[in-house]
């Protein structure tokens, strides 16, 4: 029996970012970069790697209703950020990446 690696999973389950989530990533990077340029690159890279784990484990985040969010989605916690995403037929859509201290309901 042939073993399937992550390339197989990536072909089967696509990971997409909304424009707002791309802007969120840039804003996170820029905010950290002001004080710690090297830490900004490392944090952004680790955040993206953590998000990529969703390809193999799309249900690893909690249902949004557990966080009192009214839209149908899931949320993944990474350090001080919440990654909101939707599971689609053949992939995942990252909706927003928001600091957990912010009012995330107003930003979704």
PDB file of N, CA and C in Angstrom:
ATOM      1  N   UNK A   1       0.835  -1.174   0.000  1.00  0.00           N
ATOM      2  CA  UNK A   1       0.000   0.000   0.000  1.00  0.00           C
ATOM      3  C   UNK A   1       0.890   1.251   0.000  1.00  0.00           C
ATOM      4  N   UNK A   2       0.550   2.190  -0.848  1.00  0.00           N
ATOM      5  CA  UNK A   2       1.328   3.413  -0.984  1.00  0.00           C
ATOM      6  C   UNK A   2       0.970   4.391   0.138  1.00  0.00           C
ATOM      7  N   UNK A   3       1.995   5.026   0.699  1.00  0.00           N
ATOM      8  CA  UNK A   3       1.775   6.009   1.764  1.00  0.00           C
ATOM      9  C   UNK A   3       1.568   7.380   1.140  1.00  0.00           C
ATOM     10  N   UNK A   4       0.681   8.124   1.727  1.00  0.00           N
ATOM     11  CA  UNK A   4       0.392   9.466   1.235  1.00  0.00           C
ATOM     12  C   UNK A   4       1.057  10.487   2.149  1.00  0.00           C
ATOM     13  N   UNK A   5       1.805  11.410   1.562  1.00  0.00           N
ATOM     14  CA  UNK A   5       2.468  12.461   2.316  1.00  0.00           C
ATOM     15  C   UNK A   5       1.656  13.733   2.301  1.00  0.00           C
ATOM     16  N   UNK A   6       2.262  14.800   2.802  1.00  0.00           N
ATOM     17  CA  UNK A   6       1.549  16.073   2.875  1.00  0.00           C
ATOM     18  C   UNK A   6       1.281  16.656   1.499  1.00  0.00           C
ATOM     19  N   UNK A   7       2.087  16.314   0.496  1.00  0.00           N
ATOM     20  CA  UNK A   7       1.807  16.808  -0.856  1.00  0.00           C
ATOM     21  C   UNK A   7       0.458  16.300  -1.330  1.00  0.00           C
ATOM     22  N   UNK A   8       0.157  15.048  -1.016  1.00  0.00           N
ATOM     23  CA  UNK A   8      -1.141  14.485  -1.374  1.00  0.00           C
ATOM     24  C   UNK A   8      -2.256  15.272  -0.682  1.00  0.00           C
ATOM     25  N   UNK A   9      -2.072  15.547   0.620  1.00  0.00           N
ATOM     26  CA  UNK A   9      -3.090  16.273   1.360  1.00  0.00           C
ATOM     27  C   UNK A   9      -3.260  17.688   0.832  1.00  0.00           C
ATOM     28  N   UNK A  10      -2.157  18.356   0.490  1.00  0.00           N
ATOM     29  CA  UNK A  10      -2.251  19.719  -0.024  1.00  0.00           C
ATOM     30  C   UNK A  10      -2.996  19.757  -1.349  1.00  0.00           C
ATOM     31  N   UNK A  11      -2.832  18.720  -2.162  1.00  0.00           N
ATOM     32  CA  UNK A  11      -3.552  18.662  -3.428  1.00  0.00           C
ATOM     33  C   UNK A  11      -5.044  18.408  -3.205  1.00  0.00           C
ATOM     34  N   UNK A  12      -5.372  17.699  -2.156  1.00  0.00           N
ATOM     35  CA  UNK A  12      -6.760  17.361  -1.885  1.00  0.00           C
ATOM     36  C   UNK A  12      -7.487  18.473  -1.115  1.00  0.00           C
ATOM     37  N   UNK A  13      -6.784  19.151  -0.257  1.00  0.00           N
ATOM     38  CA  UNK A  13      -7.389  20.129   0.633  1.00  0.00           C
ATOM     39  C   UNK A  13      -6.610  21.419   0.526  1.00  0.00           C
ATOM     40  N   UNK A  14      -7.154  22.399  -0.163  1.00  0.00           N
ATOM     41  CA  UNK A  14      -6.458  23.648  -0.452  1.00  0.00           C
ATOM     42  C   UNK A  14      -6.645  24.658   0.682  1.00  0.00           C
ATOM     43  N   UNK A  15      -5.592  25.393   0.955  1.00  0.00           N
ATOM     44  CA  UNK A  15      -5.624  26.427   1.978  1.00  0.00           C
ATOM     45  C   UNK A  15      -5.595  27.788   1.304  1.00  0.00           C
ATOM     46  N   UNK A  16      -6.638  28.589   1.529  1.00  0.00           N
ATOM     47  CA  UNK A  16      -6.729  29.931   0.951  1.00  0.00           C
ATOM     48  C   UNK A  16      -6.839  30.955   2.065  1.00  0.00           C
ATOM     49  N   UNK A  17      -6.326  32.149   1.778  1.00  0.00           N
ATOM     50  CA  UNK A  17      -6.411  33.270   2.706  1.00  0.00           C
ATOM     51  C   UNK A  17      -7.296  34.350   2.094  1.00  0.00           C
ATOM     52  N   UNK A  18      -8.231  34.882   2.869  1.00  0.00           N
ATOM     53  CA  UNK A  18      -9.006  36.034   2.405  1.00  0.00           C
ATOM     54  C   UNK A  18      -8.063  37.238   2.361  1.00  0.00           C
ATOM     55  N   UNK A  19      -8.461  38.274   1.638  1.00  0.00           N
ATOM     56  CA  UNK A  19      -7.629  39.478   1.583  1.00  0.00           C
ATOM     57  C   UNK A  19      -7.484  40.090   2.972  1.00  0.00           C
ATOM     58  N   UNK A  20      -8.548  40.044   3.747  1.00  0.00           N
ATOM     59  CA  UNK A  20      -8.490  40.592   5.108  1.00  0.00           C
ATOM     60  C   UNK A  20      -7.494  39.835   5.971  1.00  0.00           C
ATOM     61  N   UNK A  21      -7.436  38.502   5.835  1.00  0.00           N
ATOM     62  CA  UNK A  21      -6.484  37.726   6.638  1.00  0.00           C
ATOM     63  C   UNK A  21      -5.043  37.984   6.183  1.00  0.00           C
ATOM     64  N   UNK A  22      -4.852  38.220   4.881  1.00  0.00           N
ATOM     65  CA  UNK A  22      -3.512  38.589   4.393  1.00  0.00           C
ATOM     66  C   UNK A  22      -3.096  39.926   4.991  1.00  0.00           C
ATOM     67  N   UNK A  23      -4.023  40.864   5.030  1.00  0.00           N
ATOM     68  CA  UNK A  23      -3.746  42.163   5.643  1.00  0.00           C
ATOM     69  C   UNK A  23      -3.455  42.020   7.134  1.00  0.00           C
ATOM     70  N   UNK A  24      -4.178  41.097   7.783  1.00  0.00           N
ATOM     71  CA  UNK A  24      -3.935  40.830   9.206  1.00  0.00           C
ATOM     72  C   UNK A  24      -2.501  40.341   9.428  1.00  0.00           C
ATOM     73  N   UNK A  25      -2.046  39.411   8.583  1.00  0.00           N
ATOM     74  CA  UNK A  25      -0.677  38.896   8.703  1.00  0.00           C
ATOM     75  C   UNK A  25       0.354  40.011   8.563  1.00  0.00           C
ATOM     76  N   UNK A  26       0.142  40.882   7.610  1.00  0.00           N
ATOM     77  CA  UNK A  26       1.062  42.002   7.395  1.00  0.00           C
ATOM     78  C   UNK A  26       1.053  42.922   8.619  1.00  0.00           C
ATOM     79  N   UNK A  27      -0.123  43.216   9.146  1.00  0.00           N
ATOM     80  CA  UNK A  27      -0.241  44.096  10.307  1.00  0.00           C
ATOM     81  C   UNK A  27       0.427  43.491  11.540  1.00  0.00           C
ATOM     82  N   UNK A  28       0.269  42.188  11.726  1.00  0.00           N
ATOM     83  CA  UNK A  28       0.915  41.494  12.846  1.00  0.00           C
ATOM     84  C   UNK A  28       2.432  41.615  12.717  1.00  0.00           C
ATOM     85  N   UNK A  29       2.928  41.337  11.523  1.00  0.00           N
ATOM     86  CA  UNK A  29       4.364  41.418  11.260  1.00  0.00           C
ATOM     87  C   UNK A  29       4.886  42.828  11.535  1.00  0.00           C
ATOM     88  N   UNK A  30       4.202  43.821  11.003  1.00  0.00           N
ATOM     89  CA  UNK A  30       4.640  45.211  11.158  1.00  0.00           C
ATOM     90  C   UNK A  30       4.612  45.657  12.626  1.00  0.00           C
ATOM     91  N   UNK A  31       3.608  45.235  13.369  1.00  0.00           N
ATOM     92  CA  UNK A  31       3.498  45.622  14.780  1.00  0.00           C
ATOM     93  C   UNK A  31       4.655  45.061  15.600  1.00  0.00           C
ATOM     94  N   UNK A  32       4.998  43.810  15.361  1.00  0.00           N
ATOM     95  CA  UNK A  32       6.101  43.188  16.097  1.00  0.00           C
ATOM     96  C   UNK A  32       7.440  43.754  15.629  1.00  0.00           C
ATOM     97  N   UNK A  33       7.542  44.024  14.347  1.00  0.00           N
ATOM     98  CA  UNK A  33       8.789  44.508  13.744  1.00  0.00           C
ATOM     99  C   UNK A  33       9.255  45.841  14.336  1.00  0.00           C
ATOM    100  N   UNK A  34       8.322  46.663  14.773  1.00  0.00           N
ATOM    101  CA  UNK A  34       8.678  47.967  15.350  1.00  0.00           C
ATOM    102  C   UNK A  34       9.682  47.815  16.498  1.00  0.00           C
ATOM    103  N   UNK A  35       9.466  46.821  17.334  1.00  0.00           N
ATOM    104  CA  UNK A  35      10.327  46.626  18.496  1.00  0.00           C
ATOM    105  C   UNK A  35      11.359  45.513  18.307  1.00  0.00           C
ATOM    106  N   UNK A  36      10.966  44.476  17.577  1.00  0.00           N
ATOM    107  CA  UNK A  36      11.830  43.297  17.452  1.00  0.00           C
ATOM    108  C   UNK A  36      11.790  42.747  16.027  1.00  0.00           C
ATOM    109  N   UNK A  37      12.613  43.285  15.124  1.00  0.00           N
ATOM    110  CA  UNK A  37      12.570  42.855  13.716  1.00  0.00           C
ATOM    111  C   UNK A  37      12.773  41.351  13.504  1.00  0.00           C
ATOM    112  N   UNK A  38      13.728  40.760  14.189  1.00  0.00           N
ATOM    113  CA  UNK A  38      13.975  39.321  14.018  1.00  0.00           C
ATOM    114  C   UNK A  38      12.834  38.486  14.574  1.00  0.00           C
ATOM    115  N   UNK A  39      12.273  38.916  15.678  1.00  0.00           N
ATOM    116  CA  UNK A  39      11.155  38.196  16.277  1.00  0.00           C
ATOM    117  C   UNK A  39       9.926  38.249  15.376  1.00  0.00           C
ATOM    118  N   UNK A  40       9.762  39.334  14.639  1.00  0.00           N
ATOM    119  CA  UNK A  40       8.609  39.479  13.743  1.00  0.00           C
ATOM    120  C   UNK A  40       8.622  38.411  12.663  1.00  0.00           C
ATOM    121  N   UNK A  41       9.776  38.217  12.051  1.00  0.00           N
ATOM    122  CA  UNK A  41       9.889  37.183  11.002  1.00  0.00           C
ATOM    123  C   UNK A  41       9.607  35.796  11.575  1.00  0.00           C
ATOM    124  N   UNK A  42      10.185  35.527  12.729  1.00  0.00           N
ATOM    125  CA  UNK A  42      10.021  34.216  13.358  1.00  0.00           C
ATOM    126  C   UNK A  42       8.561  33.963  13.750  1.00  0.00           C
ATOM    127  N   UNK A  43       7.918  34.964  14.340  1.00  0.00           N
ATOM    128  CA  UNK A  43       6.526  34.818  14.754  1.00  0.00           C
ATOM    129  C   UNK A  43       5.623  34.582  13.550  1.00  0.00           C
ATOM    130  N   UNK A  44       5.801  35.390  12.510  1.00  0.00           N
ATOM    131  CA  UNK A  44       4.968  35.251  11.310  1.00  0.00           C
ATOM    132  C   UNK A  44       5.164  33.880  10.670  1.00  0.00           C
ATOM    133  N   UNK A  45       6.401  33.405  10.619  1.00  0.00           N
ATOM    134  CA  UNK A  45       6.680  32.098  10.031  1.00  0.00           C
ATOM    135  C   UNK A  45       6.036  30.976  10.846  1.00  0.00           C
ATOM    136  N   UNK A  46       6.179  31.037  12.151  1.00  0.00           N
ATOM    137  CA  UNK A  46       5.584  29.994  13.006  1.00  0.00           C
ATOM    138  C   UNK A  46       4.059  30.028  12.942  1.00  0.00           C
ATOM    139  N   UNK A  47       3.498  31.217  12.845  1.00  0.00           N
ATOM    140  CA  UNK A  47       2.043  31.351  12.713  1.00  0.00           C
ATOM    141  C   UNK A  47       1.568  30.687  11.423  1.00  0.00           C
ATOM    142  N   UNK A  48       2.243  30.966  10.321  1.00  0.00           N
ATOM    143  CA  UNK A  48       1.856  30.365   9.043  1.00  0.00           C
ATOM    144  C   UNK A  48       2.030  28.843   9.065  1.00  0.00           C
ATOM    145  N   UNK A  49       3.100  28.354   9.676  1.00  0.00           N
ATOM    146  CA  UNK A  49       3.312  26.906   9.785  1.00  0.00           C
ATOM    147  C   UNK A  49       2.204  26.261  10.607  1.00  0.00           C
ATOM    148  N   UNK A  50       1.800  26.921  11.678  1.00  0.00           N
ATOM    149  CA  UNK A  50       0.726  26.396  12.521  1.00  0.00           C
ATOM    150  C   UNK A  50      -0.587  26.345  11.746  1.00  0.00           C
ATOM    151  N   UNK A  51      -0.855  27.387  10.985  1.00  0.00           N
ATOM    152  CA  UNK A  51      -2.067  27.422  10.164  1.00  0.00           C
ATOM    153  C   UNK A  51      -2.043  26.287   9.144  1.00  0.00           C
ATOM    154  N   UNK A  52      -0.886  25.996   8.576  1.00  0.00           N
ATOM    155  CA  UNK A  52      -0.770  24.931   7.580  1.00  0.00           C
ATOM    156  C   UNK A  52      -1.079  23.552   8.155  1.00  0.00           C
ATOM    157  N   UNK A  53      -1.000  23.396   9.465  1.00  0.00           N
ATOM    158  CA  UNK A  53      -1.385  22.129  10.094  1.00  0.00           C
ATOM    159  C   UNK A  53      -2.864  21.825   9.874  1.00  0.00           C
ATOM    160  N   UNK A  54      -3.634  22.856   9.596  1.00  0.00           N
ATOM    161  CA  UNK A  54      -5.065  22.664   9.352  1.00  0.00           C
ATOM    162  C   UNK A  54      -5.342  21.826   8.107  1.00  0.00           C
ATOM    163  N   UNK A  55      -4.402  21.813   7.163  1.00  0.00           N
ATOM    164  CA  UNK A  55      -4.594  21.027   5.941  1.00  0.00           C
ATOM    165  C   UNK A  55      -4.800  19.560   6.299  1.00  0.00           C
ATOM    166  N   UNK A  56      -3.992  19.058   7.220  1.00  0.00           N
ATOM    167  CA  UNK A  56      -4.110  17.656   7.626  1.00  0.00           C
ATOM    168  C   UNK A  56      -5.125  17.469   8.749  1.00  0.00           C
ATOM    169  N   UNK A  57      -5.412  18.541   9.493  1.00  0.00           N
ATOM    170  CA  UNK A  57      -6.299  18.459  10.656  1.00  0.00           C
ATOM    171  C   UNK A  57      -7.302  19.612  10.658  1.00  0.00           C
ATOM    172  N   UNK A  58      -8.216  19.658   9.709  1.00  0.00           N
ATOM    173  CA  UNK A  58      -9.108  20.823   9.590  1.00  0.00           C
ATOM    174  C   UNK A  58     -10.011  21.060  10.792  1.00  0.00           C
ATOM    175  N   UNK A  59     -10.241  20.051  11.597  1.00  0.00           N
ATOM    176  CA  UNK A  59     -11.125  20.224  12.755  1.00  0.00           C
ATOM    177  C   UNK A  59     -10.376  20.511  14.048  1.00  0.00           C
ATOM    178  N   UNK A  60      -9.077  20.826  13.945  1.00  0.00           N
ATOM    179  CA  UNK A  60      -8.313  21.036  15.177  1.00  0.00           C
ATOM    180  C   UNK A  60      -8.698  22.333  15.895  1.00  0.00           C
ATOM    181  N   UNK A  61      -9.305  23.257  15.206  1.00  0.00           N
ATOM    182  CA  UNK A  61      -9.792  24.472  15.857  1.00  0.00           C
ATOM    183  C   UNK A  61     -11.142  24.234  16.507  1.00  0.00           C
ATOM    184  N   UNK A  62     -11.515  25.115  17.414  1.00  0.00           N
ATOM    185  CA  UNK A  62     -12.814  25.019  18.077  1.00  0.00           C
ATOM    186  C   UNK A  62     -13.900  25.626  17.205  1.00  0.00           C
ATOM    187  N   UNK A  63     -15.117  25.184  17.406  1.00  0.00           N
ATOM    188  CA  UNK A  63     -16.238  25.806  16.707  1.00  0.00           C
ATOM    189  C   UNK A  63     -16.411  27.223  17.221  1.00  0.00           C
ATOM    190  N   UNK A  64     -16.694  28.134  16.324  1.00  0.00           N
ATOM    191  CA  UNK A  64     -16.819  29.549  16.691  1.00  0.00           C
ATOM    192  C   UNK A  64     -17.923  29.801  17.707  1.00  0.00           C
ATOM    193  N   UNK A  65     -18.969  28.994  17.656  1.00  0.00           N
ATOM    194  CA  UNK A  65     -20.056  29.210  18.609  1.00  0.00           C
ATOM    195  C   UNK A  65     -19.569  29.039  20.050  1.00  0.00           C
ATOM    196  N   UNK A  66     -18.470  28.289  20.254  1.00  0.00           N
ATOM    197  CA  UNK A  66     -17.890  28.153  21.594  1.00  0.00           C
ATOM    198  C   UNK A  66     -17.240  29.448  22.066  1.00  0.00           C
ATOM    199  N   UNK A  67     -16.968  30.366  21.141  1.00  0.00           N
ATOM    200  CA  UNK A  67     -16.389  31.681  21.460  1.00  0.00           C
ATOM    201  C   UNK A  67     -17.437  32.785  21.298  1.00  0.00           C
ATOM    202  N   UNK A  68     -18.712  32.388  21.258  1.00  0.00           N
ATOM    203  CA  UNK A  68     -19.834  33.327  21.107  1.00  0.00           C
ATOM    204  C   UNK A  68     -19.768  34.133  19.812  1.00  0.00           C
ATOM    205  N   UNK A  69     -19.274  33.506  18.752  1.00  0.00           N
ATOM    206  CA  UNK A  69     -19.221  34.126  17.433  1.00  0.00           C
ATOM    207  C   UNK A  69     -20.457  33.661  16.670  1.00  0.00           C
ATOM    208  N   UNK A  70     -21.127  34.589  16.024  1.00  0.00           N
ATOM    209  CA  UNK A  70     -22.404  34.269  15.389  1.00  0.00           C
ATOM    210  C   UNK A  70     -22.285  33.660  13.991  1.00  0.00           C
ATOM    211  N   UNK A  71     -21.129  33.775  13.342  1.00  0.00           N
ATOM    212  CA  UNK A  71     -20.987  33.185  12.013  1.00  0.00           C
ATOM    213  C   UNK A  71     -20.503  31.740  12.135  1.00  0.00           C
ATOM    214  N   UNK A  72     -20.798  30.944  11.141  1.00  0.00           N
ATOM    215  CA  UNK A  72     -20.385  29.544  11.115  1.00  0.00           C
ATOM    216  C   UNK A  72     -18.911  29.482  10.705  1.00  0.00           C
ATOM    217  N   UNK A  73     -18.064  29.103  11.647  1.00  0.00           N
ATOM    218  CA  UNK A  73     -16.638  29.008  11.370  1.00  0.00           C
ATOM    219  C   UNK A  73     -15.966  28.198  12.473  1.00  0.00           C
ATOM    220  N   UNK A  74     -14.661  28.115  12.378  1.00  0.00           N
ATOM    221  CA  UNK A  74     -13.855  27.497  13.426  1.00  0.00           C
ATOM    222  C   UNK A  74     -12.763  28.488  13.799  1.00  0.00           C
ATOM    223  N   UNK A  75     -12.181  28.316  14.985  1.00  0.00           N
ATOM    224  CA  UNK A  75     -11.129  29.225  15.441  1.00  0.00           C
ATOM    225  C   UNK A  75      -9.964  28.413  16.000  1.00  0.00           C
ATOM    226  N   UNK A  76      -8.784  28.785  15.559  1.00  0.00           N
ATOM    227  CA  UNK A  76      -7.543  28.156  15.980  1.00  0.00           C
ATOM    228  C   UNK A  76      -6.771  29.179  16.807  1.00  0.00           C
ATOM    229  N   UNK A  77      -6.296  28.780  17.977  1.00  0.00           N
ATOM    230  CA  UNK A  77      -5.566  29.685  18.849  1.00  0.00           C
ATOM    231  C   UNK A  77      -4.071  29.480  18.641  1.00  0.00           C
ATOM    232  N   UNK A  78      -3.378  30.582  18.347  1.00  0.00           N
ATOM    233  CA  UNK A  78      -1.917  30.567  18.243  1.00  0.00           C
ATOM    234  C   UNK A  78      -1.374  31.713  19.081  1.00  0.00           C
ATOM    235  N   UNK A  79      -0.762  31.378  20.192  1.00  0.00           N
ATOM    236  CA  UNK A  79      -0.214  32.361  21.131  1.00  0.00           C
ATOM    237  C   UNK A  79      -1.256  33.433  21.417  1.00  0.00           C
ATOM    238  N   UNK A  80      -1.020  34.677  21.012  1.00  0.00           N
ATOM    239  CA  UNK A  80      -1.973  35.745  21.329  1.00  0.00           C
ATOM    240  C   UNK A  80      -2.921  36.065  20.172  1.00  0.00           C
ATOM    241  N   UNK A  81      -2.986  35.166  19.185  1.00  0.00           N
ATOM    242  CA  UNK A  81      -3.846  35.423  18.029  1.00  0.00           C
ATOM    243  C   UNK A  81      -4.875  34.315  17.823  1.00  0.00           C
ATOM    244  N   UNK A  82      -6.006  34.727  17.286  1.00  0.00           N
ATOM    245  CA  UNK A  82      -7.082  33.806  16.942  1.00  0.00           C
ATOM    246  C   UNK A  82      -7.183  33.760  15.424  1.00  0.00           C
ATOM    247  N   UNK A  83      -7.144  32.558  14.881  1.00  0.00           N
ATOM    248  CA  UNK A  83      -7.235  32.357  13.431  1.00  0.00           C
ATOM    249  C   UNK A  83      -8.640  31.833  13.142  1.00  0.00           C
ATOM    250  N   UNK A  84      -9.458  32.643  12.504  1.00  0.00           N
ATOM    251  CA  UNK A  84     -10.818  32.251  12.156  1.00  0.00           C
ATOM    252  C   UNK A  84     -10.829  31.689  10.740  1.00  0.00           C
ATOM    253  N   UNK A  85     -11.449  30.528  10.566  1.00  0.00           N
ATOM    254  CA  UNK A  85     -11.460  29.891   9.250  1.00  0.00           C
ATOM    255  C   UNK A  85     -12.750  29.111   9.022  1.00  0.00           C
ATOM    256  N   UNK A  86     -13.006  28.865   7.744  1.00  0.00           N
ATOM    257  CA  UNK A  86     -14.163  28.062   7.335  1.00  0.00           C
ATOM    258  C   UNK A  86     -13.665  26.837   6.584  1.00  0.00           C
ATOM    259  N   UNK A  87     -14.333  25.730   6.807  1.00  0.00           N
ATOM    260  CA  UNK A  87     -14.047  24.509   6.066  1.00  0.00           C
ATOM    261  C   UNK A  87     -14.969  24.493   4.855  1.00  0.00           C
ATOM    262  N   UNK A  88     -14.372  24.455   3.684  1.00  0.00           N
ATOM    263  CA  UNK A  88     -15.119  24.427   2.426  1.00  0.00           C
ATOM    264  C   UNK A  88     -15.091  23.011   1.862  1.00  0.00           C
ATOM    265  N   UNK A  89     -15.743  22.792   0.742  1.00  0.00           N
ATOM    266  CA  UNK A  89     -15.824  21.465   0.131  1.00  0.00           C
ATOM    267  C   UNK A  89     -14.448  20.855  -0.145  1.00  0.00           C
ATOM    268  N   UNK A  90     -13.537  21.642  -0.705  1.00  0.00           N
ATOM    269  CA  UNK A  90     -12.216  21.106  -1.029  1.00  0.00           C
ATOM    270  C   UNK A  90     -11.091  21.930  -0.428  1.00  0.00           C
ATOM    271  N   UNK A  91     -11.368  22.572   0.679  1.00  0.00           N
ATOM    272  CA  UNK A  91     -10.305  23.354   1.267  1.00  0.00           C
ATOM    273  C   UNK A  91     -10.738  24.161   2.476  1.00  0.00           C
ATOM    274  N   UNK A  92      -9.837  25.024   2.868  1.00  0.00           N
ATOM    275  CA  UNK A  92     -10.049  25.884   4.015  1.00  0.00           C
ATOM    276  C   UNK A  92      -9.886  27.329   3.591  1.00  0.00           C
ATOM    277  N   UNK A  93     -10.658  28.195   4.189  1.00  0.00           N
ATOM    278  CA  UNK A  93     -10.517  29.626   3.944  1.00  0.00           C
ATOM    279  C   UNK A  93     -10.203  30.292   5.277  1.00  0.00           C
ATOM    280  N   UNK A  94      -9.035  30.921   5.356  1.00  0.00           N
ATOM    281  CA  UNK A  94      -8.674  31.691   6.540  1.00  0.00           C
ATOM    282  C   UNK A  94      -9.391  33.034   6.404  1.00  0.00           C
ATOM    283  N   UNK A  95     -10.286  33.326   7.337  1.00  0.00           N
ATOM    284  CA  UNK A  95     -11.117  34.522   7.264  1.00  0.00           C
ATOM    285  C   UNK A  95     -10.389  35.733   7.859  1.00  0.00           C
ATOM    286  N   UNK A  96      -9.951  35.589   9.091  1.00  0.00           N
ATOM    287  CA  UNK A  96      -9.275  36.683   9.804  1.00  0.00           C
ATOM    288  C   UNK A  96      -8.264  36.102  10.777  1.00  0.00           C
ATOM    289  N   UNK A  97      -7.269  36.918  11.141  1.00  0.00           N
ATOM    290  CA  UNK A  97      -6.309  36.585  12.186  1.00  0.00           C
ATOM    291  C   UNK A  97      -6.285  37.801  13.105  1.00  0.00           C
ATOM    292  N   UNK A  98      -6.816  37.628  14.318  1.00  0.00           N
ATOM    293  CA  UNK A  98      -7.080  38.759  15.200  1.00  0.00           C
ATOM    294  C   UNK A  98      -6.430  38.520  16.565  1.00  0.00           C
ATOM    295  N   UNK A  99      -5.881  39.572  17.140  1.00  0.00           N
ATOM    296  CA  UNK A  99      -5.318  39.489  18.477  1.00  0.00           C
ATOM    297  C   UNK A  99      -6.432  39.120  19.451  1.00  0.00           C
ATOM    298  N   UNK A 100      -6.158  38.192  20.337  1.00  0.00           N
ATOM    299  CA  UNK A 100      -7.187  37.698  21.256  1.00  0.00           C
ATOM    300  C   UNK A 100      -7.667  38.763  22.244  1.00  0.00           C
ATOM    301  N   UNK A 101      -6.912  39.843  22.403  1.00  0.00           N
ATOM    302  CA  UNK A 101      -7.319  40.919  23.310  1.00  0.00           C
ATOM    303  C   UNK A 101      -8.315  41.875  22.661  1.00  0.00           C
ATOM    304  N   UNK A 102      -8.438  41.793  21.339  1.00  0.00           N
ATOM    305  CA  UNK A 102      -9.346  42.679  20.617  1.00  0.00           C
ATOM    306  C   UNK A 102     -10.774  42.130  20.621  1.00  0.00           C
ATOM    307  N   UNK A 103     -11.723  42.984  20.309  1.00  0.00           N
ATOM    308  CA  UNK A 103     -13.109  42.562  20.170  1.00  0.00           C
ATOM    309  C   UNK A 103     -13.260  41.900  18.805  1.00  0.00           C
ATOM    310  N   UNK A 104     -13.042  40.609  18.752  1.00  0.00           N
ATOM    311  CA  UNK A 104     -13.028  39.893  17.467  1.00  0.00           C
ATOM    312  C   UNK A 104     -14.412  39.816  16.845  1.00  0.00           C
ATOM    313  N   UNK A 105     -15.478  39.826  17.636  1.00  0.00           N
ATOM    314  CA  UNK A 105     -16.831  39.774  17.070  1.00  0.00           C
ATOM    315  C   UNK A 105     -17.095  40.959  16.145  1.00  0.00           C
ATOM    316  N   UNK A 106     -16.568  42.113  16.496  1.00  0.00           N
ATOM    317  CA  UNK A 106     -16.801  43.298  15.679  1.00  0.00           C
ATOM    318  C   UNK A 106     -15.963  43.295  14.404  1.00  0.00           C
ATOM    319  N   UNK A 107     -14.977  42.419  14.319  1.00  0.00           N
ATOM    320  CA  UNK A 107     -14.081  42.383  13.163  1.00  0.00           C
ATOM    321  C   UNK A 107     -14.400  41.255  12.178  1.00  0.00           C
ATOM    322  N   UNK A 108     -15.354  40.432  12.516  1.00  0.00           N
ATOM    323  CA  UNK A 108     -15.699  39.306  11.635  1.00  0.00           C
ATOM    324  C   UNK A 108     -16.835  39.642  10.696  1.00  0.00           C
TER     325      UNK A 108
END
